[in-house]
């Protein structure tokens, strides 16, 4: 019996850098502490925002 190993290192690195970049952006534009916390939470789910806007742009 053999094991299949699926590695996704490069895509995980890109996603991680995206989270860091989004966190820096959202936190730097925050006007207060709780807006900074909200910015951090937004940074964790930024791909959902990206997909939503992309689908809205193409009219799906």
PDB file of N, CA and C in Angstrom:
ATOM      1  N   UNK A   1       0.848  -1.164   0.000  1.00  0.00           N
ATOM      2  CA  UNK A   1       0.000   0.000   0.000  1.00  0.00           C
ATOM      3  C   UNK A   1       0.901   1.237   0.000  1.00  0.00           C
ATOM      4  N   UNK A   2       0.627   2.153  -0.895  1.00  0.00           N
ATOM      5  CA  UNK A   2       1.444   3.355  -0.972  1.00  0.00           C
ATOM      6  C   UNK A   2       0.625   4.571  -0.562  1.00  0.00           C
ATOM      7  N   UNK A   3       1.331   5.562  -0.020  1.00  0.00           N
ATOM      8  CA  UNK A   3       0.682   6.798   0.391  1.00  0.00           C
ATOM      9  C   UNK A   3       0.878   7.846  -0.684  1.00  0.00           C
ATOM     10  N   UNK A   4      -0.145   8.619  -0.916  1.00  0.00           N
ATOM     11  CA  UNK A   4      -0.036   9.753  -1.823  1.00  0.00           C
ATOM     12  C   UNK A   4       0.066  11.008  -0.977  1.00  0.00           C
ATOM     13  N   UNK A   5       1.107  11.773  -1.216  1.00  0.00           N
ATOM     14  CA  UNK A   5       1.320  13.003  -0.467  1.00  0.00           C
ATOM     15  C   UNK A   5       1.089  14.177  -1.415  1.00  0.00           C
ATOM     16  N   UNK A   6       0.177  15.025  -1.032  1.00  0.00           N
ATOM     17  CA  UNK A   6      -0.116  16.215  -1.823  1.00  0.00           C
ATOM     18  C   UNK A   6       0.479  17.416  -1.095  1.00  0.00           C
ATOM     19  N   UNK A   7       1.404  18.060  -1.742  1.00  0.00           N
ATOM     20  CA  UNK A   7       2.037  19.223  -1.135  1.00  0.00           C
ATOM     21  C   UNK A   7       1.517  20.483  -1.797  1.00  0.00           C
ATOM     22  N   UNK A   8       1.291  21.501  -0.995  1.00  0.00           N
ATOM     23  CA  UNK A   8       0.824  22.779  -1.525  1.00  0.00           C
ATOM     24  C   UNK A   8       1.604  23.917  -0.892  1.00  0.00           C
ATOM     25  N   UNK A   9       2.897  23.745  -0.780  1.00  0.00           N
ATOM     26  CA  UNK A   9       3.749  24.745  -0.153  1.00  0.00           C
ATOM     27  C   UNK A   9       3.712  26.104  -0.816  1.00  0.00           C
ATOM     28  N   UNK A  10       3.908  26.178  -2.135  1.00  0.00           N
ATOM     29  CA  UNK A  10       3.915  27.498  -2.771  1.00  0.00           C
ATOM     30  C   UNK A  10       2.591  28.244  -2.639  1.00  0.00           C
ATOM     31  N   UNK A  11       1.467  27.553  -2.785  1.00  0.00           N
ATOM     32  CA  UNK A  11       0.188  28.247  -2.678  1.00  0.00           C
ATOM     33  C   UNK A  11      -0.071  28.686  -1.237  1.00  0.00           C
ATOM     34  N   UNK A  12       0.379  27.903  -0.272  1.00  0.00           N
ATOM     35  CA  UNK A  12       0.240  28.300   1.123  1.00  0.00           C
ATOM     36  C   UNK A  12       1.075  29.526   1.449  1.00  0.00           C
ATOM     37  N   UNK A  13       2.255  29.608   0.838  1.00  0.00           N
ATOM     38  CA  UNK A  13       3.113  30.778   1.052  1.00  0.00           C
ATOM     39  C   UNK A  13       2.482  32.027   0.462  1.00  0.00           C
ATOM     40  N   UNK A  14       1.896  31.902  -0.720  1.00  0.00           N
ATOM     41  CA  UNK A  14       1.238  33.053  -1.350  1.00  0.00           C
ATOM     42  C   UNK A  14       0.048  33.497  -0.511  1.00  0.00           C
ATOM     43  N   UNK A  15      -0.743  32.551  -0.027  1.00  0.00           N
ATOM     44  CA  UNK A  15      -1.888  32.878   0.828  1.00  0.00           C
ATOM     45  C   UNK A  15      -1.420  33.551   2.116  1.00  0.00           C
ATOM     46  N   UNK A  16      -0.343  33.038   2.712  1.00  0.00           N
ATOM     47  CA  UNK A  16       0.187  33.639   3.934  1.00  0.00           C
ATOM     48  C   UNK A  16       0.670  35.062   3.718  1.00  0.00           C
ATOM     49  N   UNK A  17       1.371  35.292   2.611  1.00  0.00           N
ATOM     50  CA  UNK A  17       1.807  36.653   2.304  1.00  0.00           C
ATOM     51  C   UNK A  17       0.616  37.567   2.035  1.00  0.00           C
ATOM     52  N   UNK A  18      -0.412  37.016   1.432  1.00  0.00           N
ATOM     53  CA  UNK A  18      -1.630  37.790   1.200  1.00  0.00           C
ATOM     54  C   UNK A  18      -2.292  38.193   2.500  1.00  0.00           C
ATOM     55  N   UNK A  19      -2.324  37.293   3.469  1.00  0.00           N
ATOM     56  CA  UNK A  19      -2.899  37.619   4.778  1.00  0.00           C
ATOM     57  C   UNK A  19      -2.099  38.720   5.453  1.00  0.00           C
ATOM     58  N   UNK A  20      -0.771  38.611   5.403  1.00  0.00           N
ATOM     59  CA  UNK A  20       0.077  39.631   6.027  1.00  0.00           C
ATOM     60  C   UNK A  20      -0.131  40.982   5.350  1.00  0.00           C
ATOM     61  N   UNK A  21      -0.133  40.986   4.028  1.00  0.00           N
ATOM     62  CA  UNK A  21      -0.338  42.237   3.298  1.00  0.00           C
ATOM     63  C   UNK A  21      -1.700  42.848   3.571  1.00  0.00           C
ATOM     64  N   UNK A  22      -2.732  42.018   3.583  1.00  0.00           N
ATOM     65  CA  UNK A  22      -4.080  42.514   3.862  1.00  0.00           C
ATOM     66  C   UNK A  22      -4.178  43.046   5.281  1.00  0.00           C
ATOM     67  N   UNK A  23      -3.551  42.356   6.233  1.00  0.00           N
ATOM     68  CA  UNK A  23      -3.581  42.821   7.628  1.00  0.00           C
ATOM     69  C   UNK A  23      -2.897  44.182   7.744  1.00  0.00           C
ATOM     70  N   UNK A  24      -1.753  44.343   7.098  1.00  0.00           N
ATOM     71  CA  UNK A  24      -1.059  45.631   7.145  1.00  0.00           C
ATOM     72  C   UNK A  24      -1.931  46.723   6.538  1.00  0.00           C
ATOM     73  N   UNK A  25      -2.554  46.427   5.403  1.00  0.00           N
ATOM     74  CA  UNK A  25      -3.411  47.433   4.753  1.00  0.00           C
ATOM     75  C   UNK A  25      -4.608  47.794   5.629  1.00  0.00           C
ATOM     76  N   UNK A  26      -5.370  46.786   6.063  1.00  0.00           N
ATOM     77  CA  UNK A  26      -6.584  47.058   6.828  1.00  0.00           C
ATOM     78  C   UNK A  26      -6.281  47.725   8.168  1.00  0.00           C
ATOM     79  N   UNK A  27      -5.229  47.305   8.836  1.00  0.00           N
ATOM     80  CA  UNK A  27      -4.894  47.893  10.131  1.00  0.00           C
ATOM     81  C   UNK A  27      -4.373  49.315   9.957  1.00  0.00           C
ATOM     82  N   UNK A  28      -3.595  49.563   8.899  1.00  0.00           N
ATOM     83  CA  UNK A  28      -3.059  50.916   8.693  1.00  0.00           C
ATOM     84  C   UNK A  28      -4.152  51.913   8.327  1.00  0.00           C
ATOM     85  N   UNK A  29      -5.258  51.463   7.759  1.00  0.00           N
ATOM     86  CA  UNK A  29      -6.346  52.376   7.417  1.00  0.00           C
ATOM     87  C   UNK A  29      -7.403  52.461   8.519  1.00  0.00           C
ATOM     88  N   UNK A  30      -7.206  51.744   9.612  1.00  0.00           N
ATOM     89  CA  UNK A  30      -8.178  51.746  10.710  1.00  0.00           C
ATOM     90  C   UNK A  30      -8.129  53.080  11.439  1.00  0.00           C
ATOM     91  N   UNK A  31      -9.299  53.524  11.895  1.00  0.00           N
ATOM     92  CA  UNK A  31      -9.389  54.794  12.615  1.00  0.00           C
ATOM     93  C   UNK A  31      -9.390  54.620  14.128  1.00  0.00           C
ATOM     94  N   UNK A  32      -9.483  53.408  14.601  1.00  0.00           N
ATOM     95  CA  UNK A  32      -9.483  53.144  16.034  1.00  0.00           C
ATOM     96  C   UNK A  32      -9.095  51.700  16.311  1.00  0.00           C
ATOM     97  N   UNK A  33      -9.041  51.374  17.602  1.00  0.00           N
ATOM     98  CA  UNK A  33      -8.629  50.035  17.997  1.00  0.00           C
ATOM     99  C   UNK A  33      -9.559  48.970  17.439  1.00  0.00           C
ATOM    100  N   UNK A  34     -10.861  49.138  17.617  1.00  0.00           N
ATOM    101  CA  UNK A  34     -11.805  48.106  17.179  1.00  0.00           C
ATOM    102  C   UNK A  34     -11.878  48.006  15.671  1.00  0.00           C
ATOM    103  N   UNK A  35     -11.616  49.107  14.979  1.00  0.00           N
ATOM    104  CA  UNK A  35     -11.534  49.036  13.521  1.00  0.00           C
ATOM    105  C   UNK A  35     -10.283  48.260  13.108  1.00  0.00           C
ATOM    106  N   UNK A  36      -9.220  48.351  13.900  1.00  0.00           N
ATOM    107  CA  UNK A  36      -8.022  47.562  13.656  1.00  0.00           C
ATOM    108  C   UNK A  36      -8.282  46.079  13.856  1.00  0.00           C
ATOM    109  N   UNK A  37      -9.041  45.749  14.903  1.00  0.00           N
ATOM    110  CA  UNK A  37      -9.417  44.348  15.138  1.00  0.00           C
ATOM    111  C   UNK A  37     -10.269  43.841  13.979  1.00  0.00           C
ATOM    112  N   UNK A  38     -11.223  44.652  13.545  1.00  0.00           N
ATOM    113  CA  UNK A  38     -12.045  44.277  12.393  1.00  0.00           C
ATOM    114  C   UNK A  38     -11.180  44.122  11.146  1.00  0.00           C
ATOM    115  N   UNK A  39     -10.202  44.987  10.977  1.00  0.00           N
ATOM    116  CA  UNK A  39      -9.284  44.877   9.849  1.00  0.00           C
ATOM    117  C   UNK A  39      -8.509  43.575   9.867  1.00  0.00           C
ATOM    118  N   UNK A  40      -8.065  43.159  11.045  1.00  0.00           N
ATOM    119  CA  UNK A  40      -7.356  41.882  11.163  1.00  0.00           C
ATOM    120  C   UNK A  40      -8.269  40.724  10.791  1.00  0.00           C
ATOM    121  N   UNK A  41      -9.511  40.775  11.235  1.00  0.00           N
ATOM    122  CA  UNK A  41     -10.466  39.712  10.889  1.00  0.00           C
ATOM    123  C   UNK A  41     -10.752  39.702   9.385  1.00  0.00           C
ATOM    124  N   UNK A  42     -10.840  40.884   8.784  1.00  0.00           N
ATOM    125  CA  UNK A  42     -11.023  40.963   7.334  1.00  0.00           C
ATOM    126  C   UNK A  42      -9.831  40.357   6.608  1.00  0.00           C
ATOM    127  N   UNK A  43      -8.646  40.563   7.153  1.00  0.00           N
ATOM    128  CA  UNK A  43      -7.437  40.031   6.522  1.00  0.00           C
ATOM    129  C   UNK A  43      -7.455  38.509   6.486  1.00  0.00           C
ATOM    130  N   UNK A  44      -8.088  37.887   7.460  1.00  0.00           N
ATOM    131  CA  UNK A  44      -8.154  36.426   7.487  1.00  0.00           C
ATOM    132  C   UNK A  44      -9.066  35.865   6.408  1.00  0.00           C
ATOM    133  N   UNK A  45     -10.056  36.647   5.983  1.00  0.00           N
ATOM    134  CA  UNK A  45     -11.020  36.153   4.995  1.00  0.00           C
ATOM    135  C   UNK A  45     -10.961  36.940   3.690  1.00  0.00           C
ATOM    136  N   UNK A  46      -9.825  37.558   3.378  1.00  0.00           N
ATOM    137  CA  UNK A  46      -9.721  38.373   2.168  1.00  0.00           C
ATOM    138  C   UNK A  46     -10.024  37.616   0.886  1.00  0.00           C
ATOM    139  N   UNK A  47      -9.740  36.314   0.782  1.00  0.00           N
ATOM    140  CA  UNK A  47     -10.097  35.643  -0.480  1.00  0.00           C
ATOM    141  C   UNK A  47     -11.602  35.647  -0.746  1.00  0.00           C
ATOM    142  N   UNK A  48     -12.393  35.603   0.304  1.00  0.00           N
ATOM    143  CA  UNK A  48     -13.845  35.645   0.119  1.00  0.00           C
ATOM    144  C   UNK A  48     -14.264  36.982  -0.487  1.00  0.00           C
ATOM    145  N   UNK A  49     -13.657  38.081  -0.023  1.00  0.00           N
ATOM    146  CA  UNK A  49     -13.946  39.395  -0.600  1.00  0.00           C
ATOM    147  C   UNK A  49     -13.532  39.432  -2.069  1.00  0.00           C
ATOM    148  N   UNK A  50     -12.374  38.862  -2.361  1.00  0.00           N
ATOM    149  CA  UNK A  50     -11.851  38.850  -3.725  1.00  0.00           C
ATOM    150  C   UNK A  50     -12.772  38.088  -4.663  1.00  0.00           C
ATOM    151  N   UNK A  51     -13.203  36.913  -4.271  1.00  0.00           N
ATOM    152  CA  UNK A  51     -14.094  36.107  -5.107  1.00  0.00           C
ATOM    153  C   UNK A  51     -15.444  36.795  -5.274  1.00  0.00           C
ATOM    154  N   UNK A  52     -15.960  37.376  -4.209  1.00  0.00           N
ATOM    155  CA  UNK A  52     -17.242  38.074  -4.275  1.00  0.00           C
ATOM    156  C   UNK A  52     -17.192  39.225  -5.271  1.00  0.00           C
ATOM    157  N   UNK A  53     -16.154  40.045  -5.176  1.00  0.00           N
ATOM    158  CA  UNK A  53     -16.020  41.183  -6.096  1.00  0.00           C
ATOM    159  C   UNK A  53     -15.798  40.729  -7.533  1.00  0.00           C
ATOM    160  N   UNK A  54     -15.030  39.650  -7.715  1.00  0.00           N
ATOM    161  CA  UNK A  54     -14.790  39.140  -9.060  1.00  0.00           C
ATOM    162  C   UNK A  54     -16.100  38.630  -9.689  1.00  0.00           C
ATOM    163  N   UNK A  55     -16.881  37.908  -8.917  1.00  0.00           N
ATOM    164  CA  UNK A  55     -18.153  37.404  -9.428  1.00  0.00           C
ATOM    165  C   UNK A  55     -19.143  38.544  -9.689  1.00  0.00           C
ATOM    166  N   UNK A  56     -19.114  39.551  -8.851  1.00  0.00           N
ATOM    167  CA  UNK A  56     -19.982  40.716  -9.052  1.00  0.00           C
ATOM    168  C   UNK A  56     -19.578  41.450 -10.341  1.00  0.00           C
ATOM    169  N   UNK A  57     -18.270  41.526 -10.610  1.00  0.00           N
ATOM    170  CA  UNK A  57     -17.787  42.228 -11.799  1.00  0.00           C
ATOM    171  C   UNK A  57     -18.183  41.519 -13.087  1.00  0.00           C
ATOM    172  N   UNK A  58     -18.204  40.192 -13.073  1.00  0.00           N
ATOM    173  CA  UNK A  58     -18.555  39.462 -14.292  1.00  0.00           C
ATOM    174  C   UNK A  58     -20.058  39.231 -14.408  1.00  0.00           C
ATOM    175  N   UNK A  59     -20.799  39.633 -13.387  1.00  0.00           N
ATOM    176  CA  UNK A  59     -22.249  39.512 -13.450  1.00  0.00           C
ATOM    177  C   UNK A  59     -22.788  38.140 -13.147  1.00  0.00           C
ATOM    178  N   UNK A  60     -22.039  37.340 -12.426  1.00  0.00           N
ATOM    179  CA  UNK A  60     -22.507  35.989 -12.099  1.00  0.00           C
ATOM    180  C   UNK A  60     -23.438  35.999 -10.914  1.00  0.00           C
TER     181      UNK A  60
END
